[in-house]
mmCIF file of all heavy atoms, coordinates in Angstrom:
data_MODEL
# 
_entry.id   MODEL 
# 
loop_
_atom_site.group_PDB 
_atom_site.id 
_atom_site.type_symbol 
_atom_site.label_atom_id 
_atom_site.label_alt_id 
_atom_site.label_comp_id 
_atom_site.label_asym_id 
_atom_site.label_entity_id 
_atom_site.label_seq_id 
_atom_site.pdbx_PDB_ins_code 
_atom_site.Cartn_x 
_atom_site.Cartn_y 
_atom_site.Cartn_z 
_atom_site.occupancy 
_atom_site.B_iso_or_equiv 
_atom_site.pdbx_formal_charge 
_atom_site.auth_seq_id 
_atom_site.auth_comp_id 
_atom_site.auth_asym_id 
_atom_site.auth_atom_id 
_atom_site.pdbx_PDB_model_num 
ATOM 1   N N   . ASP A 1 1  ? 88.652  -2.912 31.852  1.00 0.00 ? 1  ASP A N   1 
ATOM 2   C CA  . ASP A 1 1  ? 89.080  -3.258 33.209  1.00 0.00 ? 1  ASP A CA  1 
ATOM 3   C C   . ASP A 1 1  ? 88.070  -4.198 33.872  1.00 0.00 ? 1  ASP A C   1 
ATOM 4   O O   . ASP A 1 1  ? 88.455  -5.163 34.544  1.00 0.00 ? 1  ASP A O   1 
ATOM 5   C CB  . ASP A 1 1  ? 89.266  -2.009 34.068  1.00 0.00 ? 1  ASP A CB  1 
ATOM 6   C CG  . ASP A 1 1  ? 90.527  -1.218 33.709  1.00 0.00 ? 1  ASP A CG  1 
ATOM 7   O OD1 . ASP A 1 1  ? 91.401  -1.751 32.992  1.00 0.00 ? 1  ASP A OD1 1 
ATOM 8   O OD2 . ASP A 1 1  ? 90.612  -0.053 34.153  1.00 0.00 ? 1  ASP A OD2 1 
ATOM 9   N N   . ARG A 1 2  ? 86.775  -3.936 33.685  1.00 0.00 ? 2  ARG A N   1 
ATOM 10  C CA  . ARG A 1 2  ? 85.734  -4.808 34.256  1.00 0.00 ? 2  ARG A CA  1 
ATOM 11  C C   . ARG A 1 2  ? 85.811  -6.226 33.699  1.00 0.00 ? 2  ARG A C   1 
ATOM 12  O O   . ARG A 1 2  ? 85.461  -7.187 34.372  1.00 0.00 ? 2  ARG A O   1 
ATOM 13  C CB  . ARG A 1 2  ? 84.330  -4.235 34.000  1.00 0.00 ? 2  ARG A CB  1 
ATOM 14  C CG  . ARG A 1 2  ? 83.929  -3.134 34.940  1.00 0.00 ? 2  ARG A CG  1 
ATOM 15  C CD  . ARG A 1 2  ? 82.431  -2.824 34.859  1.00 0.00 ? 2  ARG A CD  1 
ATOM 16  N NE  . ARG A 1 2  ? 81.891  -2.646 33.521  1.00 0.00 ? 2  ARG A NE  1 
ATOM 17  C CZ  . ARG A 1 2  ? 81.801  -1.480 32.878  1.00 0.00 ? 2  ARG A CZ  1 
ATOM 18  N NH1 . ARG A 1 2  ? 82.201  -0.365 33.467  1.00 0.00 ? 2  ARG A NH1 1 
ATOM 19  N NH2 . ARG A 1 2  ? 81.273  -1.414 31.673  1.00 0.00 ? 2  ARG A NH2 1 
ATOM 20  N N   . LEU A 1 3  ? 86.279  -6.353 32.463  1.00 0.00 ? 3  LEU A N   1 
ATOM 21  C CA  . LEU A 1 3  ? 86.417  -7.674 31.856  1.00 0.00 ? 3  LEU A CA  1 
ATOM 22  C C   . LEU A 1 3  ? 87.599  -8.446 32.441  1.00 0.00 ? 3  LEU A C   1 
ATOM 23  O O   . LEU A 1 3  ? 87.725  -9.648 32.208  1.00 0.00 ? 3  LEU A O   1 
ATOM 24  C CB  . LEU A 1 3  ? 86.627  -7.557 30.339  1.00 0.00 ? 3  LEU A CB  1 
ATOM 25  C CG  . LEU A 1 3  ? 85.461  -7.037 29.513  1.00 0.00 ? 3  LEU A CG  1 
ATOM 26  C CD1 . LEU A 1 3  ? 85.885  -6.892 28.057  1.00 0.00 ? 3  LEU A CD1 1 
ATOM 27  C CD2 . LEU A 1 3  ? 84.262  -7.963 29.620  1.00 0.00 ? 3  LEU A CD2 1 
ATOM 28  N N   . GLY A 1 4  ? 88.486  -7.738 33.154  1.00 0.00 ? 4  GLY A N   1 
ATOM 29  C CA  . GLY A 1 4  ? 89.679  -8.381 33.696  1.00 0.00 ? 4  GLY A CA  1 
ATOM 30  C C   . GLY A 1 4  ? 90.887  -8.269 32.782  1.00 0.00 ? 4  GLY A C   1 
ATOM 31  O O   . GLY A 1 4  ? 91.903  -8.929 33.008  1.00 0.00 ? 4  GLY A O   1 
ATOM 32  N N   . ALA A 1 5  ? 90.797  -7.447 31.746  1.00 0.00 ? 5  ALA A N   1 
ATOM 33  C CA  . ALA A 1 5  ? 91.925  -7.256 30.834  1.00 0.00 ? 5  ALA A CA  1 
ATOM 34  C C   . ALA A 1 5  ? 93.015  -6.445 31.526  1.00 0.00 ? 5  ALA A C   1 
ATOM 35  O O   . ALA A 1 5  ? 92.743  -5.684 32.452  1.00 0.00 ? 5  ALA A O   1 
ATOM 36  C CB  . ALA A 1 5  ? 91.457  -6.540 29.565  1.00 0.00 ? 5  ALA A CB  1 
ATOM 37  N N   . THR A 1 6  ? 94.239  -6.618 31.067  1.00 0.00 ? 6  THR A N   1 
ATOM 38  C CA  . THR A 1 6  ? 95.381  -5.896 31.611  1.00 0.00 ? 6  THR A CA  1 
ATOM 39  C C   . THR A 1 6  ? 95.785  -4.808 30.628  1.00 0.00 ? 6  THR A C   1 
ATOM 40  O O   . THR A 1 6  ? 96.010  -5.099 29.445  1.00 0.00 ? 6  THR A O   1 
ATOM 41  C CB  . THR A 1 6  ? 96.570  -6.857 31.825  1.00 0.00 ? 6  THR A CB  1 
ATOM 42  O OG1 . THR A 1 6  ? 96.144  -7.914 32.675  1.00 0.00 ? 6  THR A OG1 1 
ATOM 43  C CG2 . THR A 1 6  ? 97.758  -6.136 32.437  1.00 0.00 ? 6  THR A CG2 1 
ATOM 44  N N   . GLY A 1 7  ? 95.887  -3.578 31.099  1.00 0.00 ? 7  GLY A N   1 
ATOM 45  C CA  . GLY A 1 7  ? 96.312  -2.472 30.250  1.00 0.00 ? 7  GLY A CA  1 
ATOM 46  C C   . GLY A 1 7  ? 97.821  -2.285 30.335  1.00 0.00 ? 7  GLY A C   1 
ATOM 47  O O   . GLY A 1 7  ? 98.429  -2.505 31.381  1.00 0.00 ? 7  GLY A O   1 
ATOM 48  N N   . PHE A 1 8  ? 98.429  -1.892 29.231  1.00 0.00 ? 8  PHE A N   1 
ATOM 49  C CA  . PHE A 1 8  ? 99.858  -1.624 29.172  1.00 0.00 ? 8  PHE A CA  1 
ATOM 50  C C   . PHE A 1 8  ? 100.068 -0.228 28.609  1.00 0.00 ? 8  PHE A C   1 
ATOM 51  O O   . PHE A 1 8  ? 99.452  0.122  27.609  1.00 0.00 ? 8  PHE A O   1 
ATOM 52  C CB  . PHE A 1 8  ? 100.566 -2.629 28.255  1.00 0.00 ? 8  PHE A CB  1 
ATOM 53  C CG  . PHE A 1 8  ? 100.443 -4.044 28.722  1.00 0.00 ? 8  PHE A CG  1 
ATOM 54  C CD1 . PHE A 1 8  ? 99.479  -4.884 28.202  1.00 0.00 ? 8  PHE A CD1 1 
ATOM 55  C CD2 . PHE A 1 8  ? 101.294 -4.542 29.698  1.00 0.00 ? 8  PHE A CD2 1 
ATOM 56  C CE1 . PHE A 1 8  ? 99.359  -6.191 28.635  1.00 0.00 ? 8  PHE A CE1 1 
ATOM 57  C CE2 . PHE A 1 8  ? 101.184 -5.854 30.139  1.00 0.00 ? 8  PHE A CE2 1 
ATOM 58  C CZ  . PHE A 1 8  ? 100.217 -6.676 29.607  1.00 0.00 ? 8  PHE A CZ  1 
ATOM 59  N N   . PRO A 1 9  ? 100.935 0.557  29.238  1.00 0.00 ? 9  PRO A N   1 
ATOM 60  C CA  . PRO A 1 9  ? 101.186 1.889  28.686  1.00 0.00 ? 9  PRO A CA  1 
ATOM 61  C C   . PRO A 1 9  ? 102.040 1.777  27.422  1.00 0.00 ? 9  PRO A C   1 
ATOM 62  O O   . PRO A 1 9  ? 103.123 1.215  27.446  1.00 0.00 ? 9  PRO A O   1 
ATOM 63  C CB  . PRO A 1 9  ? 101.940 2.612  29.803  1.00 0.00 ? 9  PRO A CB  1 
ATOM 64  C CG  . PRO A 1 9  ? 102.580 1.515  30.598  1.00 0.00 ? 9  PRO A CG  1 
ATOM 65  C CD  . PRO A 1 9  ? 101.687 0.312  30.458  1.00 0.00 ? 9  PRO A CD  1 
ATOM 66  N N   . LYS A 1 10 ? 101.510 2.247  26.338  1.00 0.00 ? 10 LYS A N   1 
ATOM 67  C CA  . LYS A 1 10 ? 102.219 2.212  25.067  1.00 0.00 ? 10 LYS A CA  1 
ATOM 68  C C   . LYS A 1 10 ? 101.559 3.211  24.140  1.00 0.00 ? 10 LYS A C   1 
ATOM 69  O O   . LYS A 1 10 ? 100.369 3.450  24.229  1.00 0.00 ? 10 LYS A O   1 
ATOM 70  C CB  . LYS A 1 10 ? 102.132 0.815  24.464  1.00 0.00 ? 10 LYS A CB  1 
ATOM 71  C CG  . LYS A 1 10 ? 103.284 0.477  23.557  1.00 0.00 ? 10 LYS A CG  1 
ATOM 72  C CD  . LYS A 1 10 ? 103.289 -1.001 23.262  1.00 0.00 ? 10 LYS A CD  1 
ATOM 73  C CE  . LYS A 1 10 ? 104.712 -1.429 23.040  1.00 0.00 ? 10 LYS A CE  1 
ATOM 74  N NZ  . LYS A 1 10 ? 104.834 -2.819 22.718  1.00 0.00 ? 10 LYS A NZ  1 
ATOM 75  N N   . ARG A 1 11 ? 102.306 3.768  23.265  1.00 0.00 ? 11 ARG A N   1 
ATOM 76  C CA  . ARG A 1 11 ? 101.776 4.716  22.291  1.00 0.00 ? 11 ARG A CA  1 
ATOM 77  C C   . ARG A 1 11 ? 101.828 4.073  20.911  1.00 0.00 ? 11 ARG A C   1 
ATOM 78  O O   . ARG A 1 11 ? 102.805 3.436  20.564  1.00 0.00 ? 11 ARG A O   1 
ATOM 79  C CB  . ARG A 1 11 ? 102.624 5.979  22.297  1.00 0.00 ? 11 ARG A CB  1 
ATOM 80  C CG  . ARG A 1 11 ? 102.058 7.080  21.454  1.00 0.00 ? 11 ARG A CG  1 
ATOM 81  C CD  . ARG A 1 11 ? 102.833 8.329  21.659  1.00 0.00 ? 11 ARG A CD  1 
ATOM 82  N NE  . ARG A 1 11 ? 102.644 8.763  23.042  1.00 0.00 ? 11 ARG A NE  1 
ATOM 83  C CZ  . ARG A 1 11 ? 102.397 10.003 23.390  1.00 0.00 ? 11 ARG A CZ  1 
ATOM 84  N NH1 . ARG A 1 11 ? 102.342 10.929 22.482  1.00 0.00 ? 11 ARG A NH1 1 
ATOM 85  N NH2 . ARG A 1 11 ? 102.232 10.326 24.646  1.00 0.00 ? 11 ARG A NH2 1 
ATOM 86  N N   . ARG A 1 12 ? 100.783 4.253  20.132  1.00 0.00 ? 12 ARG A N   1 
ATOM 87  C CA  . ARG A 1 12 ? 100.729 3.687  18.786  1.00 0.00 ? 12 ARG A CA  1 
ATOM 88  C C   . ARG A 1 12 ? 101.200 4.730  17.785  1.00 0.00 ? 12 ARG A C   1 
ATOM 89  O O   . ARG A 1 12 ? 100.796 5.885  17.847  1.00 0.00 ? 12 ARG A O   1 
ATOM 90  C CB  . ARG A 1 12 ? 99.304  3.261  18.461  1.00 0.00 ? 12 ARG A CB  1 
ATOM 91  C CG  . ARG A 1 12 ? 99.177  2.638  17.098  1.00 0.00 ? 12 ARG A CG  1 
ATOM 92  C CD  . ARG A 1 12 ? 97.771  2.174  16.866  1.00 0.00 ? 12 ARG A CD  1 
ATOM 93  N NE  . ARG A 1 12 ? 97.674  1.503  15.595  1.00 0.00 ? 12 ARG A NE  1 
ATOM 94  C CZ  . ARG A 1 12 ? 96.630  0.824  15.214  1.00 0.00 ? 12 ARG A CZ  1 
ATOM 95  N NH1 . ARG A 1 12 ? 95.577  0.719  16.002  1.00 0.00 ? 12 ARG A NH1 1 
ATOM 96  N NH2 . ARG A 1 12 ? 96.599  0.237  14.045  1.00 0.00 ? 12 ARG A NH2 1 
ATOM 97  N N   . TYR A 1 13 ? 102.038 4.301  16.852  1.00 0.00 ? 13 TYR A N   1 
ATOM 98  C CA  . TYR A 1 13 ? 102.538 5.184  15.803  1.00 0.00 ? 13 TYR A CA  1 
ATOM 99  C C   . TYR A 1 13 ? 102.134 4.641  14.439  1.00 0.00 ? 13 TYR A C   1 
ATOM 100 O O   . TYR A 1 13 ? 101.887 3.452  14.276  1.00 0.00 ? 13 TYR A O   1 
ATOM 101 C CB  . TYR A 1 13 ? 104.072 5.255  15.849  1.00 0.00 ? 13 TYR A CB  1 
ATOM 102 C CG  . TYR A 1 13 ? 104.591 6.059  16.999  1.00 0.00 ? 13 TYR A CG  1 
ATOM 103 C CD1 . TYR A 1 13 ? 104.822 5.469  18.224  1.00 0.00 ? 13 TYR A CD1 1 
ATOM 104 C CD2 . TYR A 1 13 ? 104.836 7.414  16.863  1.00 0.00 ? 13 TYR A CD2 1 
ATOM 105 C CE1 . TYR A 1 13 ? 105.285 6.212  19.298  1.00 0.00 ? 13 TYR A CE1 1 
ATOM 106 C CE2 . TYR A 1 13 ? 105.301 8.170  17.927  1.00 0.00 ? 13 TYR A CE2 1 
ATOM 107 C CZ  . TYR A 1 13 ? 105.526 7.550  19.136  1.00 0.00 ? 13 TYR A CZ  1 
ATOM 108 O OH  . TYR A 1 13 ? 105.994 8.282  20.188  1.00 0.00 ? 13 TYR A OH  1 
ATOM 109 N N   . ALA A 1 14 ? 102.108 5.527  13.463  1.00 0.00 ? 14 ALA A N   1 
ATOM 110 C CA  . ALA A 1 14 ? 101.878 5.149  12.071  1.00 0.00 ? 14 ALA A CA  1 
ATOM 111 C C   . ALA A 1 14 ? 102.841 5.965  11.220  1.00 0.00 ? 14 ALA A C   1 
ATOM 112 O O   . ALA A 1 14 ? 103.096 7.132  11.507  1.00 0.00 ? 14 ALA A O   1 
ATOM 113 C CB  . ALA A 1 14 ? 100.438 5.447  11.657  1.00 0.00 ? 14 ALA A CB  1 
ATOM 114 N N   . LEU A 1 15 ? 103.375 5.346  10.215  1.00 0.00 ? 15 LEU A N   1 
ATOM 115 C CA  . LEU A 1 15 ? 104.291 6.013  9.297   1.00 0.00 ? 15 LEU A CA  1 
ATOM 116 C C   . LEU A 1 15 ? 103.800 5.739  7.880   1.00 0.00 ? 15 LEU A C   1 
ATOM 117 O O   . LEU A 1 15 ? 103.682 4.581  7.467   1.00 0.00 ? 15 LEU A O   1 
ATOM 118 C CB  . LEU A 1 15 ? 105.715 5.474  9.478   1.00 0.00 ? 15 LEU A CB  1 
ATOM 119 C CG  . LEU A 1 15 ? 106.792 6.039  8.566   1.00 0.00 ? 15 LEU A CG  1 
ATOM 120 C CD1 . LEU A 1 15 ? 106.990 7.535  8.829   1.00 0.00 ? 15 LEU A CD1 1 
ATOM 121 C CD2 . LEU A 1 15 ? 108.098 5.286  8.779   1.00 0.00 ? 15 LEU A CD2 1 
ATOM 122 N N   . THR A 1 16 ? 103.480 6.782  7.163   1.00 0.00 ? 16 THR A N   1 
ATOM 123 C CA  . THR A 1 16 ? 103.019 6.632  5.787   1.00 0.00 ? 16 THR A CA  1 
ATOM 124 C C   . THR A 1 16 ? 104.202 6.275  4.901   1.00 0.00 ? 16 THR A C   1 
ATOM 125 O O   . THR A 1 16 ? 105.249 6.916  4.973   1.00 0.00 ? 16 THR A O   1 
ATOM 126 C CB  . THR A 1 16 ? 102.369 7.931  5.292   1.00 0.00 ? 16 THR A CB  1 
ATOM 127 O OG1 . THR A 1 16 ? 101.255 8.217  6.146   1.00 0.00 ? 16 THR A OG1 1 
ATOM 128 C CG2 . THR A 1 16 ? 101.893 7.801  3.851   1.00 0.00 ? 16 THR A CG2 1 
ATOM 129 N N   . VAL A 1 17 ? 104.030 5.247  4.096   1.00 0.00 ? 17 VAL A N   1 
ATOM 130 C CA  . VAL A 1 17 ? 105.066 4.825  3.157   1.00 0.00 ? 17 VAL A CA  1 
ATOM 131 C C   . VAL A 1 17 ? 104.610 5.238  1.773   1.00 0.00 ? 17 VAL A C   1 
ATOM 132 O O   . VAL A 1 17 ? 103.580 4.775  1.281   1.00 0.00 ? 17 VAL A O   1 
ATOM 133 C CB  . VAL A 1 17 ? 105.280 3.296  3.227   1.00 0.00 ? 17 VAL A CB  1 
ATOM 134 C CG1 . VAL A 1 17 ? 106.307 2.852  2.196   1.00 0.00 ? 17 VAL A CG1 1 
ATOM 135 C CG2 . VAL A 1 17 ? 105.692 2.885  4.628   1.00 0.00 ? 17 VAL A CG2 1 
ATOM 136 N N   . GLU A 1 18 ? 105.354 6.137  1.177   1.00 0.00 ? 18 GLU A N   1 
ATOM 137 C CA  . GLU A 1 18 ? 105.020 6.620  -0.164  1.00 0.00 ? 18 GLU A CA  1 
ATOM 138 C C   . GLU A 1 18 ? 105.364 5.544  -1.189  1.00 0.00 ? 18 GLU A C   1 
ATOM 139 O O   . GLU A 1 18 ? 106.324 4.796  -1.006  1.00 0.00 ? 18 GLU A O   1 
ATOM 140 C CB  . GLU A 1 18 ? 105.798 7.904  -0.477  1.00 0.00 ? 18 GLU A CB  1 
ATOM 141 C CG  . GLU A 1 18 ? 105.505 9.056  0.468   1.00 0.00 ? 18 GLU A CG  1 
ATOM 142 C CD  . GLU A 1 18 ? 104.051 9.504  0.448   1.00 0.00 ? 18 GLU A CD  1 
ATOM 143 O OE1 . GLU A 1 18 ? 103.394 9.370  -0.603  1.00 0.00 ? 18 GLU A OE1 1 
ATOM 144 O OE2 . GLU A 1 18 ? 103.569 9.966  1.492   1.00 0.00 ? 18 GLU A OE2 1 
ATOM 145 N N   . PRO A 1 19 ? 104.602 5.471  -2.279  1.00 0.00 ? 19 PRO A N   1 
ATOM 146 C CA  . PRO A 1 19 ? 104.932 4.481  -3.312  1.00 0.00 ? 19 PRO A CA  1 
ATOM 147 C C   . PRO A 1 19 ? 106.299 4.772  -3.913  1.00 0.00 ? 19 PRO A C   1 
ATOM 148 O O   . PRO A 1 19 ? 106.747 5.926  -3.950  1.00 0.00 ? 19 PRO A O   1 
ATOM 149 C CB  . PRO A 1 19 ? 103.834 4.654  -4.360  1.00 0.00 ? 19 PRO A CB  1 
ATOM 150 C CG  . PRO A 1 19 ? 102.957 5.755  -3.904  1.00 0.00 ? 19 PRO A CG  1 
ATOM 151 C CD  . PRO A 1 19 ? 103.446 6.268  -2.591  1.00 0.00 ? 19 PRO A CD  1 
ATOM 152 N N   . ALA A 1 20 ? 106.943 3.722  -4.368  1.00 0.00 ? 20 ALA A N   1 
ATOM 153 C CA  . ALA A 1 20 ? 108.241 3.888  -5.022  1.00 0.00 ? 20 ALA A CA  1 
ATOM 154 C C   . ALA A 1 20 ? 108.043 4.684  -6.302  1.00 0.00 ? 20 ALA A C   1 
ATOM 155 O O   . ALA A 1 20 ? 107.013 4.554  -6.964  1.00 0.00 ? 20 ALA A O   1 
ATOM 156 C CB  . ALA A 1 20 ? 108.844 2.523  -5.334  1.00 0.00 ? 20 ALA A CB  1 
ATOM 157 N N   . PRO A 1 21 ? 109.019 5.514  -6.656  1.00 0.00 ? 21 PRO A N   1 
ATOM 158 C CA  . PRO A 1 21 ? 108.884 6.274  -7.908  1.00 0.00 ? 21 PRO A CA  1 
ATOM 159 C C   . PRO A 1 21 ? 108.857 5.309  -9.098  1.00 0.00 ? 21 PRO A C   1 
ATOM 160 O O   . PRO A 1 21 ? 109.489 4.258  -9.068  1.00 0.00 ? 21 PRO A O   1 
ATOM 161 C CB  . PRO A 1 21 ? 110.121 7.166  -7.947  1.00 0.00 ? 21 PRO A CB  1 
ATOM 162 C CG  . PRO A 1 21 ? 111.041 6.645  -6.900  1.00 0.00 ? 21 PRO A CG  1 
ATOM 163 C CD  . PRO A 1 21 ? 110.252 5.779  -5.969  1.00 0.00 ? 21 PRO A CD  1 
ATOM 164 N N   . ALA A 1 22 ? 108.097 5.699  -10.099 1.00 0.00 ? 22 ALA A N   1 
ATOM 165 C CA  . ALA A 1 22 ? 108.022 4.890  -11.306 1.00 0.00 ? 22 ALA A CA  1 
ATOM 166 C C   . ALA A 1 22 ? 109.380 4.878  -11.984 1.00 0.00 ? 22 ALA A C   1 
ATOM 167 O O   . ALA A 1 22 ? 110.078 5.903  -12.003 1.00 0.00 ? 22 ALA A O   1 
ATOM 168 C CB  . ALA A 1 22 ? 106.965 5.460  -12.248 1.00 0.00 ? 22 ALA A CB  1 
ATOM 169 N N   . PRO A 1 23 ? 109.768 3.733  -12.515 1.00 0.00 ? 23 PRO A N   1 
ATOM 170 C CA  . PRO A 1 23 ? 111.071 3.696  -13.190 1.00 0.00 ? 23 PRO A CA  1 
ATOM 171 C C   . PRO A 1 23 ? 111.063 4.614  -14.400 1.00 0.00 ? 23 PRO A C   1 
ATOM 172 O O   . PRO A 1 23 ? 110.112 4.639  -15.166 1.00 0.00 ? 23 PRO A O   1 
ATOM 173 C CB  . PRO A 1 23 ? 111.240 2.237  -13.598 1.00 0.00 ? 23 PRO A CB  1 
ATOM 174 C CG  . PRO A 1 23 ? 109.934 1.565  -13.353 1.00 0.00 ? 23 PRO A CG  1 
ATOM 175 C CD  . PRO A 1 23 ? 109.066 2.488  -12.539 1.00 0.00 ? 23 PRO A CD  1 
ATOM 176 N N   . GLY A 1 24 ? 112.104 5.389  -14.524 1.00 0.00 ? 24 GLY A N   1 
ATOM 177 C CA  . GLY A 1 24 ? 112.230 6.310  -15.647 1.00 0.00 ? 24 GLY A CA  1 
ATOM 178 C C   . GLY A 1 24 ? 113.057 5.688  -16.748 1.00 0.00 ? 24 GLY A C   1 
ATOM 179 O O   . GLY A 1 24 ? 113.463 4.524  -16.663 1.00 0.00 ? 24 GLY A O   1 
ATOM 180 N N   . PRO A 1 25 ? 113.323 6.466  -17.771 1.00 0.00 ? 25 PRO A N   1 
ATOM 181 C CA  . PRO A 1 25 ? 114.165 5.950  -18.869 1.00 0.00 ? 25 PRO A CA  1 
ATOM 182 C C   . PRO A 1 25 ? 115.551 5.620  -18.324 1.00 0.00 ? 25 PRO A C   1 
ATOM 183 O O   . PRO A 1 25 ? 116.072 6.293  -17.450 1.00 0.00 ? 25 PRO A O   1 
ATOM 184 C CB  . PRO A 1 25 ? 114.217 7.088  -19.883 1.00 0.00 ? 25 PRO A CB  1 
ATOM 185 C CG  . PRO A 1 25 ? 113.685 8.290  -19.167 1.00 0.00 ? 25 PRO A CG  1 
ATOM 186 C CD  . PRO A 1 25 ? 112.912 7.815  -17.970 1.00 0.00 ? 25 PRO A CD  1 
ATOM 187 N N   . ALA A 1 26 ? 116.123 4.556  -18.844 1.00 0.00 ? 26 ALA A N   1 
ATOM 188 C CA  . ALA A 1 26 ? 117.458 4.143  -18.396 1.00 0.00 ? 26 ALA A CA  1 
ATOM 189 C C   . ALA A 1 26 ? 118.471 5.160  -18.878 1.00 0.00 ? 26 ALA A C   1 
ATOM 190 O O   . ALA A 1 26 ? 118.653 5.372  -20.065 1.00 0.00 ? 26 ALA A O   1 
ATOM 191 C CB  . ALA A 1 26 ? 117.784 2.761  -18.949 1.00 0.00 ? 26 ALA A CB  1 
ATOM 192 N N   . SER A 1 27 ? 119.084 5.812  -17.917 1.00 0.00 ? 27 SER A N   1 
ATOM 193 C CA  . SER A 1 27 ? 120.148 6.756  -18.267 1.00 0.00 ? 27 SER A CA  1 
ATOM 194 C C   . SER A 1 27 ? 121.133 6.780  -17.123 1.00 0.00 ? 27 SER A C   1 
ATOM 195 O O   . SER A 1 27 ? 120.752 6.863  -15.964 1.00 0.00 ? 27 SER A O   1 
ATOM 196 C CB  . SER A 1 27 ? 119.599 8.158  -18.529 1.00 0.00 ? 27 SER A CB  1 
ATOM 197 O OG  . SER A 1 27 ? 118.988 8.653  -17.362 1.00 0.00 ? 27 SER A OG  1 
ATOM 198 N N   . ALA A 1 28 ? 122.367 6.661  -17.445 1.00 0.00 ? 28 ALA A N   1 
ATOM 199 C CA  . ALA A 1 28 ? 123.419 6.656  -16.430 1.00 0.00 ? 28 ALA A CA  1 
ATOM 200 C C   . ALA A 1 28 ? 124.058 8.030  -16.386 1.00 0.00 ? 28 ALA A C   1 
ATOM 201 O O   . ALA A 1 28 ? 124.275 8.646  -17.426 1.00 0.00 ? 28 ALA A O   1 
ATOM 202 C CB  . ALA A 1 28 ? 124.461 5.601  -16.768 1.00 0.00 ? 28 ALA A CB  1 
# 
């Protein structure tokens, strides 16, 4: 605030992204 910056009300979120599963044997 002393620097003259403007604050904005906002909340920060994070979402963990799991790695894609390893491709398995081709089977239908």
